[in-house]
C-alpha atoms as a PDB file:
ATOM      1  CA  UNK A   1       8.708 -47.978  -8.345  1.00  0.00           C
ATOM      2  CA  UNK A   2       5.633 -48.322 -10.531  1.00  0.00           C
ATOM      3  CA  UNK A   3       3.267 -48.363  -7.568  1.00  0.00           C
ATOM      4  CA  UNK A   4       4.949 -45.347  -6.014  1.00  0.00           C
ATOM      5  CA  UNK A   5       4.804 -43.465  -9.288  1.00  0.00           C
ATOM      6  CA  UNK A   6       1.153 -44.379  -9.695  1.00  0.00           C
ATOM      7  CA  UNK A   7       0.363 -43.189  -6.173  1.00  0.00           C
ATOM      8  CA  UNK A   8       2.265 -39.933  -6.613  1.00  0.00           C
ATOM      9  CA  UNK A   9       0.637 -39.051  -9.896  1.00  0.00           C
ATOM     10  CA  UNK A  10      -2.792 -38.017  -8.515  1.00  0.00           C
ATOM     11  CA  UNK A  11      -1.104 -35.617  -6.088  1.00  0.00           C
ATOM     12  CA  UNK A  12       0.981 -34.098  -8.857  1.00  0.00           C
ATOM     13  CA  UNK A  13      -2.081 -33.742 -11.057  1.00  0.00           C
ATOM     14  CA  UNK A  14      -3.948 -32.065  -8.202  1.00  0.00           C
ATOM     15  CA  UNK A  15      -1.113 -29.583  -7.731  1.00  0.00           C
ATOM     16  CA  UNK A  16      -1.084 -28.852 -11.462  1.00  0.00           C
ATOM     17  CA  UNK A  17      -4.850 -28.304 -11.481  1.00  0.00           C
ATOM     18  CA  UNK A  18      -4.571 -25.994  -8.480  1.00  0.00           C
ATOM     19  CA  UNK A  19      -1.782 -23.976 -10.107  1.00  0.00           C
ATOM     20  CA  UNK A  20      -3.684 -23.849 -13.393  1.00  0.00           C
ATOM     21  CA  UNK A  21      -6.802 -22.632 -11.614  1.00  0.00           C
ATOM     22  CA  UNK A  22      -4.863 -19.892  -9.849  1.00  0.00           C
ATOM     23  CA  UNK A  23      -3.224 -18.759 -13.080  1.00  0.00           C
ATOM     24  CA  UNK A  24      -6.636 -18.697 -14.762  1.00  0.00           C
ATOM     25  CA  UNK A  25      -8.094 -16.494 -12.042  1.00  0.00           C
ATOM     26  CA  UNK A  26      -4.988 -14.311 -12.207  1.00  0.00           C
ATOM     27  CA  UNK A  27      -5.567 -13.745 -15.927  1.00  0.00           C
ATOM     28  CA  UNK A  28      -9.268 -13.001 -15.335  1.00  0.00           C
ATOM     29  CA  UNK A  29      -8.433 -10.574 -12.530  1.00  0.00           C
ATOM     30  CA  UNK A  30      -5.781  -8.808 -14.609  1.00  0.00           C
ATOM     31  CA  UNK A  31      -8.252  -8.408 -17.489  1.00  0.00           C
ATOM     32  CA  UNK A  32     -10.937  -7.075 -15.149  1.00  0.00           C
ATOM     33  CA  UNK A  33      -8.437  -4.662 -13.618  1.00  0.00           C
ATOM     34  CA  UNK A  34      -7.651  -3.290 -17.072  1.00  0.00           C
ATOM     35  CA  UNK A  35     -11.358  -2.834 -17.787  1.00  0.00           C
ATOM     36  CA  UNK A  36     -11.894  -1.022 -14.476  1.00  0.00           C
ATOM     37  CA  UNK A  37      -8.926   1.290 -15.093  1.00  0.00           C
ATOM     38  CA  UNK A  38     -10.218   2.256 -18.537  1.00  0.00           C
ATOM     39  CA  UNK A  39     -13.747   2.753 -17.144  1.00  0.00           C
ATOM     40  CA  UNK A  40     -12.385   4.982 -14.376  1.00  0.00           C
ATOM     41  CA  UNK A  41     -10.763   7.216 -16.972  1.00  0.00           C
ATOM     42  CA  UNK A  42     -13.837   7.285 -19.222  1.00  0.00           C
ATOM     43  CA  UNK A  43     -16.717   7.992 -16.832  1.00  0.00           C
ATOM     44  CA  UNK A  44     -17.277  11.235 -14.978  1.00  0.00           C
ATOM     45  CA  UNK A  45     -19.085  14.556 -15.246  1.00  0.00           C
ATOM     46  CA  UNK A  46     -17.568  14.888 -18.722  1.00  0.00           C
ATOM     47  CA  UNK A  47     -17.761  11.529 -20.480  1.00  0.00           C
ATOM     48  CA  UNK A  48     -14.946  10.718 -22.880  1.00  0.00           C
ATOM     49  CA  UNK A  49     -14.589   8.115 -25.591  1.00  0.00           C
ATOM     50  CA  UNK A  50     -12.488   4.992 -25.423  1.00  0.00           C
ATOM     51  CA  UNK A  51      -9.994   6.504 -27.879  1.00  0.00           C
ATOM     52  CA  UNK A  52      -9.585   9.571 -25.663  1.00  0.00           C
ATOM     53  CA  UNK A  53      -9.112   7.354 -22.603  1.00  0.00           C
ATOM     54  CA  UNK A  54      -6.429   5.272 -24.307  1.00  0.00           C
ATOM     55  CA  UNK A  55      -4.744   8.455 -25.520  1.00  0.00           C
ATOM     56  CA  UNK A  56      -4.797   9.824 -21.966  1.00  0.00           C
ATOM     57  CA  UNK A  57      -3.112   6.675 -20.699  1.00  0.00           C
ATOM     58  CA  UNK A  58      -0.226   7.498 -23.045  1.00  0.00           C
ATOM     59  CA  UNK A  59      -0.086  11.112 -21.795  1.00  0.00           C
ATOM     60  CA  UNK A  60      -1.817  12.895 -24.689  1.00  0.00           C
ATOM     61  CA  UNK A  61      -4.007  15.897 -23.800  1.00  0.00           C
ATOM     62  CA  UNK A  62      -4.611  17.773 -27.049  1.00  0.00           C
ATOM     63  CA  UNK A  63      -8.414  17.995 -26.692  1.00  0.00           C
ATOM     64  CA  UNK A  64     -10.754  18.889 -23.832  1.00  0.00           C
ATOM     65  CA  UNK A  65     -11.884  15.270 -23.542  1.00  0.00           C
ATOM     66  CA  UNK A  66      -8.314  14.006 -23.391  1.00  0.00           C
ATOM     67  CA  UNK A  67      -7.466  16.669 -20.802  1.00  0.00           C
ATOM     68  CA  UNK A  68     -10.411  15.493 -18.663  1.00  0.00           C
ATOM     69  CA  UNK A  69      -9.217  11.922 -18.984  1.00  0.00           C
ATOM     70  CA  UNK A  70      -5.657  12.893 -18.026  1.00  0.00           C
ATOM     71  CA  UNK A  71      -6.990  14.714 -14.952  1.00  0.00           C
ATOM     72  CA  UNK A  72      -8.585  11.442 -13.809  1.00  0.00           C
ATOM     73  CA  UNK A  73      -5.345   9.473 -13.927  1.00  0.00           C
ATOM     74  CA  UNK A  74      -4.143  10.438 -10.404  1.00  0.00           C
ATOM     75  CA  UNK A  75      -7.544   9.479  -9.025  1.00  0.00           C
ATOM     76  CA  UNK A  76      -7.328   6.133 -10.793  1.00  0.00           C
ATOM     77  CA  UNK A  77      -3.840   5.392  -9.476  1.00  0.00           C
ATOM     78  CA  UNK A  78      -4.797   6.430  -5.930  1.00  0.00           C
ATOM     79  CA  UNK A  79      -7.847   4.166  -6.111  1.00  0.00           C
ATOM     80  CA  UNK A  80      -5.673   1.232  -7.135  1.00  0.00           C
ATOM     81  CA  UNK A  81      -3.211   1.861  -4.301  1.00  0.00           C
ATOM     82  CA  UNK A  82      -5.909   2.409  -1.661  1.00  0.00           C
ATOM     83  CA  UNK A  83      -7.950  -0.634  -2.646  1.00  0.00           C
ATOM     84  CA  UNK A  84      -4.925  -2.923  -2.737  1.00  0.00           C
ATOM     85  CA  UNK A  85      -3.690  -1.584   0.610  1.00  0.00           C
ATOM     86  CA  UNK A  86      -6.990  -2.061   2.436  1.00  0.00           C
ATOM     87  CA  UNK A  87      -7.458  -5.573   1.036  1.00  0.00           C
ATOM     88  CA  UNK A  88      -3.939  -6.685   1.956  1.00  0.00           C
ATOM     89  CA  UNK A  89      -4.337  -5.138   5.413  1.00  0.00           C
ATOM     90  CA  UNK A  90      -7.649  -6.947   5.924  1.00  0.00           C
ATOM     91  CA  UNK A  91      -6.229 -10.303   4.843  1.00  0.00           C
ATOM     92  CA  UNK A  92      -3.230  -9.821   7.127  1.00  0.00           C
ATOM     93  CA  UNK A  93      -5.396  -8.901  10.113  1.00  0.00           C
ATOM     94  CA  UNK A  94      -7.573 -11.959   9.554  1.00  0.00           C
ATOM     95  CA  UNK A  95      -4.462 -14.140   9.488  1.00  0.00           C
ATOM     96  CA  UNK A  96      -2.850 -12.549  12.548  1.00  0.00           C
ATOM     97  CA  UNK A  97      -6.001 -12.852  14.674  1.00  0.00           C
ATOM     98  CA  UNK A  98      -7.317 -16.030  12.979  1.00  0.00           C
ATOM     99  CA  UNK A  99     -10.617 -14.177  12.877  1.00  0.00           C
ATOM    100  CA  UNK A 100     -12.832 -14.235   9.755  1.00  0.00           C
ATOM    101  CA  UNK A 101     -14.493 -10.981  10.850  1.00  0.00           C
ATOM    102  CA  UNK A 102     -11.250  -9.004  11.010  1.00  0.00           C
ATOM    103  CA  UNK A 103     -11.418  -5.811   8.988  1.00  0.00           C
ATOM    104  CA  UNK A 104      -9.857  -2.365   9.472  1.00  0.00           C
ATOM    105  CA  UNK A 105     -13.320  -0.817   9.686  1.00  0.00           C
ATOM    106  CA  UNK A 106     -14.959  -3.395  11.935  1.00  0.00           C
ATOM    107  CA  UNK A 107     -11.961  -3.517  14.276  1.00  0.00           C
ATOM    108  CA  UNK A 108     -12.014   0.239  14.784  1.00  0.00           C
ATOM    109  CA  UNK A 109      -8.638   0.809  13.105  1.00  0.00           C
ATOM    110  CA  UNK A 110     -10.027   3.317  10.606  1.00  0.00           C
ATOM    111  CA  UNK A 111     -11.921   5.149  13.365  1.00  0.00           C
ATOM    112  CA  UNK A 112      -8.763   5.310  15.453  1.00  0.00           C
ATOM    113  CA  UNK A 113      -6.852   6.830  12.554  1.00  0.00           C
ATOM    114  CA  UNK A 114      -9.655   9.356  12.006  1.00  0.00           C
ATOM    115  CA  UNK A 115      -9.651  10.356  15.667  1.00  0.00           C
ATOM    116  CA  UNK A 116      -5.892  10.832  15.655  1.00  0.00           C
ATOM    117  CA  UNK A 117      -6.071  13.057  12.568  1.00  0.00           C
ATOM    118  CA  UNK A 118      -8.825  15.167  14.159  1.00  0.00           C
ATOM    119  CA  UNK A 119      -6.779  15.541  17.355  1.00  0.00           C
ATOM    120  CA  UNK A 120      -3.804  16.637  15.270  1.00  0.00           C
ATOM    121  CA  UNK A 121      -5.867  19.190  13.363  1.00  0.00           C
ATOM    122  CA  UNK A 122      -7.673  20.576  16.405  1.00  0.00           C
ATOM    123  CA  UNK A 123      -4.975  20.660  19.077  1.00  0.00           C
ATOM    124  CA  UNK A 124      -1.649  20.585  17.222  1.00  0.00           C
ATOM    125  CA  UNK A 125      -2.688  22.498  14.088  1.00  0.00           C
ATOM    126  CA  UNK A 126      -0.920  20.001  11.840  1.00  0.00           C
ATOM    127  CA  UNK A 127      -0.714  21.018   8.212  1.00  0.00           C
ATOM    128  CA  UNK A 128       2.250  19.110   6.819  1.00  0.00           C
ATOM    129  CA  UNK A 129       1.210  15.928   4.970  1.00  0.00           C
ATOM    130  CA  UNK A 130       3.842  13.808   6.714  1.00  0.00           C
ATOM    131  CA  UNK A 131       2.532  14.903  10.103  1.00  0.00           C
ATOM    132  CA  UNK A 132      -0.966  13.844   9.058  1.00  0.00           C
ATOM    133  CA  UNK A 133       0.343  10.441   7.986  1.00  0.00           C
ATOM    134  CA  UNK A 134       2.188  10.030  11.275  1.00  0.00           C
ATOM    135  CA  UNK A 135      -0.884  10.858  13.373  1.00  0.00           C
ATOM    136  CA  UNK A 136      -3.029   8.489  11.300  1.00  0.00           C
ATOM    137  CA  UNK A 137      -0.601   5.577  11.675  1.00  0.00           C
ATOM    138  CA  UNK A 138      -0.280   6.154  15.435  1.00  0.00           C
ATOM    139  CA  UNK A 139      -4.065   6.271  15.786  1.00  0.00           C
ATOM    140  CA  UNK A 140      -4.540   3.118  13.724  1.00  0.00           C
ATOM    141  CA  UNK A 141      -1.919   1.224  15.722  1.00  0.00           C
ATOM    142  CA  UNK A 142      -3.331   2.356  19.069  1.00  0.00           C
ATOM    143  CA  UNK A 143      -6.864   1.332  18.112  1.00  0.00           C
ATOM    144  CA  UNK A 144      -5.713  -2.067  16.841  1.00  0.00           C
ATOM    145  CA  UNK A 145      -3.754  -2.792  20.025  1.00  0.00           C
ATOM    146  CA  UNK A 146      -6.650  -1.652  22.221  1.00  0.00           C
ATOM    147  CA  UNK A 147      -9.244  -3.777  20.406  1.00  0.00           C
ATOM    148  CA  UNK A 148      -7.063  -6.884  20.526  1.00  0.00           C
ATOM    149  CA  UNK A 149      -6.292  -6.342  24.227  1.00  0.00           C
ATOM    150  CA  UNK A 150      -9.962  -5.913  25.152  1.00  0.00           C
ATOM    151  CA  UNK A 151     -11.044  -8.815  22.948  1.00  0.00           C
ATOM    152  CA  UNK A 152      -8.484 -11.096  24.600  1.00  0.00           C
ATOM    153  CA  UNK A 153      -9.947 -10.621  28.079  1.00  0.00           C
ATOM    154  CA  UNK A 154     -12.044 -13.320  29.656  1.00  0.00           C
ATOM    155  CA  UNK A 155     -12.600 -16.980  28.898  1.00  0.00           C
ATOM    156  CA  UNK A 156     -11.537 -18.283  25.505  1.00  0.00           C
ATOM    157  CA  UNK A 157      -9.177 -15.452  24.613  1.00  0.00           C
ATOM    158  CA  UNK A 158      -9.658 -13.365  21.484  1.00  0.00           C
ATOM    159  CA  UNK A 159     -12.719 -15.018  19.945  1.00  0.00           C
ATOM    160  CA  UNK A 160     -14.184 -13.600  16.704  1.00  0.00           C
ATOM    161  CA  UNK A 161     -17.309 -12.352  18.451  1.00  0.00           C
ATOM    162  CA  UNK A 162     -15.457 -10.564  21.260  1.00  0.00           C
ATOM    163  CA  UNK A 163     -13.070  -8.903  18.818  1.00  0.00           C
ATOM    164  CA  UNK A 164     -15.969  -7.755  16.641  1.00  0.00           C
ATOM    165  CA  UNK A 165     -17.818  -6.349  19.666  1.00  0.00           C
ATOM    166  CA  UNK A 166     -14.673  -4.641  20.970  1.00  0.00           C
ATOM    167  CA  UNK A 167     -14.089  -3.159  17.520  1.00  0.00           C
ATOM    168  CA  UNK A 168     -17.674  -1.919  17.272  1.00  0.00           C
ATOM    169  CA  UNK A 169     -17.452  -0.314  20.708  1.00  0.00           C
ATOM    170  CA  UNK A 170     -14.118   1.282  19.849  1.00  0.00           C
ATOM    171  CA  UNK A 171     -15.499   2.655  16.580  1.00  0.00           C
ATOM    172  CA  UNK A 172     -18.499   4.142  18.394  1.00  0.00           C
ATOM    173  CA  UNK A 173     -16.278   5.704  21.051  1.00  0.00           C
ATOM    174  CA  UNK A 174     -13.901   7.178  18.463  1.00  0.00           C
ATOM    175  CA  UNK A 175     -16.801   8.566  16.435  1.00  0.00           C
ATOM    176  CA  UNK A 176     -18.258  10.208  19.544  1.00  0.00           C
ATOM    177  CA  UNK A 177     -14.913  11.763  20.420  1.00  0.00           C
ATOM    178  CA  UNK A 178     -14.526  13.034  16.860  1.00  0.00           C
ATOM    179  CA  UNK A 179     -17.931  14.723  17.075  1.00  0.00           C
ATOM    180  CA  UNK A 180     -17.131  16.185  20.473  1.00  0.00           C
ATOM    181  CA  UNK A 181     -13.899  17.681  19.156  1.00  0.00           C
ATOM    182  CA  UNK A 182     -15.342  18.994  15.903  1.00  0.00           C
ATOM    183  CA  UNK A 183     -18.609  20.589  17.057  1.00  0.00           C
ATOM    184  CA  UNK A 184     -17.022  23.634  18.745  1.00  0.00           C
ATOM    185  CA  UNK A 185     -14.459  24.038  15.945  1.00  0.00           C
ATOM    186  CA  UNK A 186     -16.179  25.067  12.738  1.00  0.00           C
ATOM    187  CA  UNK A 187     -12.927  25.571  10.830  1.00  0.00           C
ATOM    188  CA  UNK A 188     -11.715  22.050  11.508  1.00  0.00           C
ATOM    189  CA  UNK A 189     -15.168  20.623  10.800  1.00  0.00           C
ATOM    190  CA  UNK A 190     -15.305  22.218   7.345  1.00  0.00           C
ATOM    191  CA  UNK A 191     -12.016  20.626   6.334  1.00  0.00           C
ATOM    192  CA  UNK A 192     -12.880  17.282   7.900  1.00  0.00           C
ATOM    193  CA  UNK A 193     -16.492  16.560   6.955  1.00  0.00           C
ATOM    194  CA  UNK A 194     -15.829  15.602   3.327  1.00  0.00           C
ATOM    195  CA  UNK A 195     -12.721  13.626   4.246  1.00  0.00           C
ATOM    196  CA  UNK A 196     -14.713  11.698   6.880  1.00  0.00           C
ATOM    197  CA  UNK A 197     -16.982  10.179   4.224  1.00  0.00           C
ATOM    198  CA  UNK A 198     -14.072   8.451   2.507  1.00  0.00           C
ATOM    199  CA  UNK A 199     -13.216   8.995  -1.143  1.00  0.00           C
ATOM    200  CA  UNK A 200     -10.478   9.455  -3.711  1.00  0.00           C
ATOM    201  CA  UNK A 201     -11.823  12.574  -5.406  1.00  0.00           C
ATOM    202  CA  UNK A 202      -9.421  15.481  -5.744  1.00  0.00           C
ATOM    203  CA  UNK A 203      -6.387  13.212  -6.026  1.00  0.00           C
ATOM    204  CA  UNK A 204      -3.212  14.745  -7.426  1.00  0.00           C
ATOM    205  CA  UNK A 205       0.122  13.323  -8.476  1.00  0.00           C
ATOM    206  CA  UNK A 206       1.729  15.030  -5.476  1.00  0.00           C
ATOM    207  CA  UNK A 207      -0.596  13.194  -3.112  1.00  0.00           C
ATOM    208  CA  UNK A 208      -0.011   9.892  -4.914  1.00  0.00           C
ATOM    209  CA  UNK A 209       3.745  10.396  -4.765  1.00  0.00           C
ATOM    210  CA  UNK A 210       3.516  11.216  -1.062  1.00  0.00           C
ATOM    211  CA  UNK A 211       1.723   8.041   0.018  1.00  0.00           C
ATOM    212  CA  UNK A 212       2.976   5.518  -2.546  1.00  0.00           C
ATOM    213  CA  UNK A 213       6.332   4.766  -0.805  1.00  0.00           C
ATOM    214  CA  UNK A 214       4.612   4.163   2.548  1.00  0.00           C
ATOM    215  CA  UNK A 215       1.924   1.965   1.019  1.00  0.00           C
ATOM    216  CA  UNK A 216       4.491  -0.055  -0.902  1.00  0.00           C
ATOM    217  CA  UNK A 217       6.560  -0.470   2.278  1.00  0.00           C
ATOM    218  CA  UNK A 218       3.528  -1.651   4.260  1.00  0.00           C
ATOM    219  CA  UNK A 219       2.488  -4.070   1.519  1.00  0.00           C
ATOM    220  CA  UNK A 220       6.036  -5.428   1.304  1.00  0.00           C
ATOM    221  CA  UNK A 221       6.107  -6.073   5.066  1.00  0.00           C
ATOM    222  CA  UNK A 222       2.845  -8.009   4.844  1.00  0.00           C
ATOM    223  CA  UNK A 223       3.921  -9.999   1.783  1.00  0.00           C
ATOM    224  CA  UNK A 224       7.237 -10.925   3.383  1.00  0.00           C
ATOM    225  CA  UNK A 225       5.297 -12.348   6.348  1.00  0.00           C
ATOM    226  CA  UNK A 226       3.229 -14.819   4.315  1.00  0.00           C
ATOM    227  CA  UNK A 227       5.157 -17.930   5.378  1.00  0.00           C
ATOM    228  CA  UNK A 228       4.748 -17.003   9.023  1.00  0.00           C
ATOM    229  CA  UNK A 229       1.036 -16.296   8.470  1.00  0.00           C
ATOM    230  CA  UNK A 230       0.628 -19.765   6.955  1.00  0.00           C
ATOM    231  CA  UNK A 231       2.204 -21.215  10.095  1.00  0.00           C
ATOM    232  CA  UNK A 232      -0.083 -19.166  12.357  1.00  0.00           C
ATOM    233  CA  UNK A 233      -3.089 -20.663  10.582  1.00  0.00           C
ATOM    234  CA  UNK A 234      -2.107 -24.054  12.052  1.00  0.00           C
ATOM    235  CA  UNK A 235      -2.252 -22.722  15.623  1.00  0.00           C
ATOM    236  CA  UNK A 236       0.310 -21.138  17.909  1.00  0.00           C
ATOM    237  CA  UNK A 237       1.597 -24.448  19.288  1.00  0.00           C
ATOM    238  CA  UNK A 238       2.109 -26.001  15.861  1.00  0.00           C
ATOM    239  CA  UNK A 239       3.681 -22.797  14.534  1.00  0.00           C
ATOM    240  CA  UNK A 240       6.105 -22.750  17.452  1.00  0.00           C
ATOM    241  CA  UNK A 241       6.919 -26.402  16.843  1.00  0.00           C
ATOM    242  CA  UNK A 242       7.734 -25.555  13.228  1.00  0.00           C
ATOM    243  CA  UNK A 243      10.284 -23.020  14.441  1.00  0.00           C
ATOM    244  CA  UNK A 244       8.157 -19.919  13.911  1.00  0.00           C
ATOM    245  CA  UNK A 245       8.497 -17.011  16.318  1.00  0.00           C
ATOM    246  CA  UNK A 246       4.785 -16.414  16.816  1.00  0.00           C
ATOM    247  CA  UNK A 247       5.053 -13.096  18.643  1.00  0.00           C
ATOM    248  CA  UNK A 248       7.513 -11.640  16.139  1.00  0.00           C
ATOM    249  CA  UNK A 249       5.421 -12.765  13.160  1.00  0.00           C
ATOM    250  CA  UNK A 250       2.273 -11.230  14.623  1.00  0.00           C
ATOM    251  CA  UNK A 251       4.069  -7.989  15.483  1.00  0.00           C
ATOM    252  CA  UNK A 252       5.756  -7.549  12.093  1.00  0.00           C
ATOM    253  CA  UNK A 253       2.631  -8.402  10.097  1.00  0.00           C
ATOM    254  CA  UNK A 254       0.518  -6.124  12.283  1.00  0.00           C
ATOM    255  CA  UNK A 255       2.938  -3.238  11.730  1.00  0.00           C
ATOM    256  CA  UNK A 256       2.572  -3.665   7.972  1.00  0.00           C
ATOM    257  CA  UNK A 257      -1.233  -3.749   8.224  1.00  0.00           C
ATOM    258  CA  UNK A 258      -1.325  -0.681  10.479  1.00  0.00           C
ATOM    259  CA  UNK A 259       0.881   1.283   8.068  1.00  0.00           C
ATOM    260  CA  UNK A 260      -1.437   0.397   5.173  1.00  0.00           C
ATOM    261  CA  UNK A 261      -4.586   1.329   7.125  1.00  0.00           C
ATOM    262  CA  UNK A 262      -3.207   4.516   8.631  1.00  0.00           C
ATOM    263  CA  UNK A 263      -1.701   5.944   5.455  1.00  0.00           C
ATOM    264  CA  UNK A 264      -4.740   5.052   3.347  1.00  0.00           C
ATOM    265  CA  UNK A 265      -7.080   6.630   5.883  1.00  0.00           C
ATOM    266  CA  UNK A 266      -4.955   9.771   6.078  1.00  0.00           C
ATOM    267  CA  UNK A 267      -5.172  10.404   2.339  1.00  0.00           C
ATOM    268  CA  UNK A 268      -8.606   8.958   1.467  1.00  0.00           C
ATOM    269  CA  UNK A 269     -10.578   8.999   4.688  1.00  0.00           C
ATOM    270  CA  UNK A 270     -12.125   5.887   6.274  1.00  0.00           C
ATOM    271  CA  UNK A 271     -13.281   3.400   3.618  1.00  0.00           C
ATOM    272  CA  UNK A 272     -14.845   0.326   5.208  1.00  0.00           C
ATOM    273  CA  UNK A 273     -15.503  -3.295   4.199  1.00  0.00           C
ATOM    274  CA  UNK A 274     -12.872  -3.575   1.449  1.00  0.00           C
ATOM    275  CA  UNK A 275     -10.593  -5.456   3.845  1.00  0.00           C
ATOM    276  CA  UNK A 276     -13.448  -7.793   4.815  1.00  0.00           C
ATOM    277  CA  UNK A 277     -14.992  -8.723   1.475  1.00  0.00           C
ATOM    278  CA  UNK A 278     -11.933  -9.157  -0.716  1.00  0.00           C
ATOM    279  CA  UNK A 279      -9.875 -11.677   1.336  1.00  0.00           C
ATOM    280  CA  UNK A 280     -12.883 -13.986   1.695  1.00  0.00           C
ATOM    281  CA  UNK A 281     -13.566 -13.956  -2.035  1.00  0.00           C
ATOM    282  CA  UNK A 282      -9.893 -14.591  -2.784  1.00  0.00           C
ATOM    283  CA  UNK A 283      -9.835 -17.601  -0.438  1.00  0.00           C
ATOM    284  CA  UNK A 284     -12.728 -19.085  -2.375  1.00  0.00           C
ATOM    285  CA  UNK A 285     -10.855 -18.568  -5.639  1.00  0.00           C
ATOM    286  CA  UNK A 286      -7.227 -19.452  -4.840  1.00  0.00           C
ATOM    287  CA  UNK A 287      -7.300 -21.170  -1.439  1.00  0.00           C
ATOM    288  CA  UNK A 288      -5.936 -20.251   1.964  1.00  0.00           C
ATOM    289  CA  UNK A 289      -2.226 -20.145   1.105  1.00  0.00           C
ATOM    290  CA  UNK A 290      -1.245 -16.559   1.909  1.00  0.00           C
ATOM    291  CA  UNK A 291       1.534 -16.656  -0.679  1.00  0.00           C
ATOM    292  CA  UNK A 292      -1.242 -16.584  -3.270  1.00  0.00           C
ATOM    293  CA  UNK A 293      -4.115 -15.074  -1.324  1.00  0.00           C
ATOM    294  CA  UNK A 294      -2.529 -11.755  -0.301  1.00  0.00           C
ATOM    295  CA  UNK A 295      -1.275 -10.799  -3.808  1.00  0.00           C
ATOM    296  CA  UNK A 296      -4.656 -11.768  -5.233  1.00  0.00           C
ATOM    297  CA  UNK A 297      -6.354  -9.721  -2.518  1.00  0.00           C
ATOM    298  CA  UNK A 298      -4.287  -6.702  -3.527  1.00  0.00           C
ATOM    299  CA  UNK A 299      -5.403  -6.968  -7.154  1.00  0.00           C
ATOM    300  CA  UNK A 300      -9.026  -7.688  -6.247  1.00  0.00           C
ATOM    301  CA  UNK A 301      -9.108  -4.853  -3.711  1.00  0.00           C
ATOM    302  CA  UNK A 302      -7.861  -2.431  -6.344  1.00  0.00           C
ATOM    303  CA  UNK A 303     -10.606  -3.640  -8.698  1.00  0.00           C
ATOM    304  CA  UNK A 304     -13.317  -3.342  -6.033  1.00  0.00           C
ATOM    305  CA  UNK A 305     -12.475   0.143  -4.804  1.00  0.00           C
ATOM    306  CA  UNK A 306     -11.858   1.597  -8.242  1.00  0.00           C
ATOM    307  CA  UNK A 307     -15.006  -0.092  -9.570  1.00  0.00           C
ATOM    308  CA  UNK A 308     -17.056   1.295  -6.677  1.00  0.00           C
ATOM    309  CA  UNK A 309     -15.637   4.775  -7.293  1.00  0.00           C
ATOM    310  CA  UNK A 310     -16.531   4.534 -10.989  1.00  0.00           C
ATOM    311  CA  UNK A 311     -20.026   3.307 -10.091  1.00  0.00           C
ATOM    312  CA  UNK A 312     -20.485   6.368  -7.873  1.00  0.00           C
ATOM    313  CA  UNK A 313     -19.809   8.564 -10.898  1.00  0.00           C
ATOM    314  CA  UNK A 314     -22.149   6.607 -13.176  1.00  0.00           C
ATOM    315  CA  UNK A 315     -25.310   6.471 -11.034  1.00  0.00           C
ATOM    316  CA  UNK A 316     -25.358  10.267 -10.669  1.00  0.00           C
ATOM    317  CA  UNK A 317     -24.067  11.661 -13.996  1.00  0.00           C
ATOM    318  CA  UNK A 318     -24.028  15.346 -12.972  1.00  0.00           C
ATOM    319  CA  UNK A 319     -22.333  14.682  -9.628  1.00  0.00           C
ATOM    320  CA  UNK A 320     -20.829  11.718  -7.816  1.00  0.00           C
ATOM    321  CA  UNK A 321     -21.212   9.509  -4.770  1.00  0.00           C
ATOM    322  CA  UNK A 322     -18.030   8.979  -2.767  1.00  0.00           C
ATOM    323  CA  UNK A 323     -16.643   5.478  -2.651  1.00  0.00           C
ATOM    324  CA  UNK A 324     -16.949   5.488   1.144  1.00  0.00           C
ATOM    325  CA  UNK A 325     -20.729   5.431   0.667  1.00  0.00           C
ATOM    326  CA  UNK A 326     -20.732   2.753  -2.048  1.00  0.00           C
ATOM    327  CA  UNK A 327     -18.571   0.119  -0.312  1.00  0.00           C
ATOM    328  CA  UNK A 328     -20.886  -0.381   2.726  1.00  0.00           C
ATOM    329  CA  UNK A 329     -23.710  -1.347   0.375  1.00  0.00           C
ATOM    330  CA  UNK A 330     -21.427  -4.134  -0.878  1.00  0.00           C
ATOM    331  CA  UNK A 331     -19.785  -5.071   2.401  1.00  0.00           C
ATOM    332  CA  UNK A 332     -22.687  -4.982   4.873  1.00  0.00           C
ATOM    333  CA  UNK A 333     -24.667  -7.878   3.303  1.00  0.00           C
ATOM    334  CA  UNK A 334     -21.419  -9.811   2.968  1.00  0.00           C
ATOM    335  CA  UNK A 335     -20.657  -9.228   6.643  1.00  0.00           C
ATOM    336  CA  UNK A 336     -24.095 -10.560   7.629  1.00  0.00           C
ATOM    337  CA  UNK A 337     -23.528 -13.626   5.443  1.00  0.00           C
ATOM    338  CA  UNK A 338     -20.168 -14.317   7.108  1.00  0.00           C
ATOM    339  CA  UNK A 339     -21.670 -14.008  10.600  1.00  0.00           C
ATOM    340  CA  UNK A 340     -24.480 -16.420   9.724  1.00  0.00           C
ATOM    341  CA  UNK A 341     -22.087 -18.845   8.033  1.00  0.00           C
ATOM    342  CA  UNK A 342     -19.412 -18.956  10.726  1.00  0.00           C
ATOM    343  CA  UNK A 343     -19.805 -20.865  13.970  1.00  0.00           C
ATOM    344  CA  UNK A 344     -18.917 -18.037  16.332  1.00  0.00           C
ATOM    345  CA  UNK A 345     -17.841 -19.162  19.771  1.00  0.00           C
ATOM    346  CA  UNK A 346     -19.706 -17.935  22.835  1.00  0.00           C
ATOM    347  CA  UNK A 347     -18.456 -15.179  25.061  1.00  0.00           C
END
């Protein structure tokens, strides 16, 4: 009994240290999220004080500064939702494909959603927000299925390099088709060009209320798939031996990720690299258990996107740089580091 208890104690202490470390990072992330939210309300063309920002968070708008801060609240909430959605979608796609390079932008999912929205605007004259969301989700799902099918061809199946190349080719093809559709249609181009950059400016409570239920549903689907994603990390054969339905788990988790990508792209435009950077950082902080990693990725993604949006308003005080321009400066070096660090299998 004594020997067994002595042998079990180091494992228990390790589990306690791991849980304590995760709780510590959770507290740090929550504090940073609060700082980013306050900063998002403070900074802009009209700077406001901390007191005005805190008053705006309680709904007060008695002064011009407080009114400016209140007007930024929908943008702040949309940034939180979009960042969390893209990060959770990226982490889910990496788990489903067991590919460290998986990202909605790199895999062409965002480009597919953009192409579908352009087709809807140009040929079907869609104007209802729900129709836009539907076209974006269909485009995202079609692009994801196409990239995975092409990347699975040949020897070795869906290797990280083949999926990344298939995604890059799909993104280029979708971008070319978007240009071909837009060039002869000036009216559609005018309404699309600012959306194509990717940003959360001009957010309203109506827009937030429109997309929030879909984003929450997509996130819930992904979070309910975490046990299956943990099994997939062990390999298909081991997952099947553990009683996991591999095909069903992949399909359900992919549906959740596609909903998150499509809806976010429909309302914010294509915002790349959030789904790549955040899951990797969260794995370094809390480990590979998706029960912890995906919720952490949601919080960290919200911090990253909202922080990047705030940075775009700070570097140019009299105007702003859209978040879709800021995130590649963060994600591109990180992508290069991942490629150099990973042992990518040959074609």
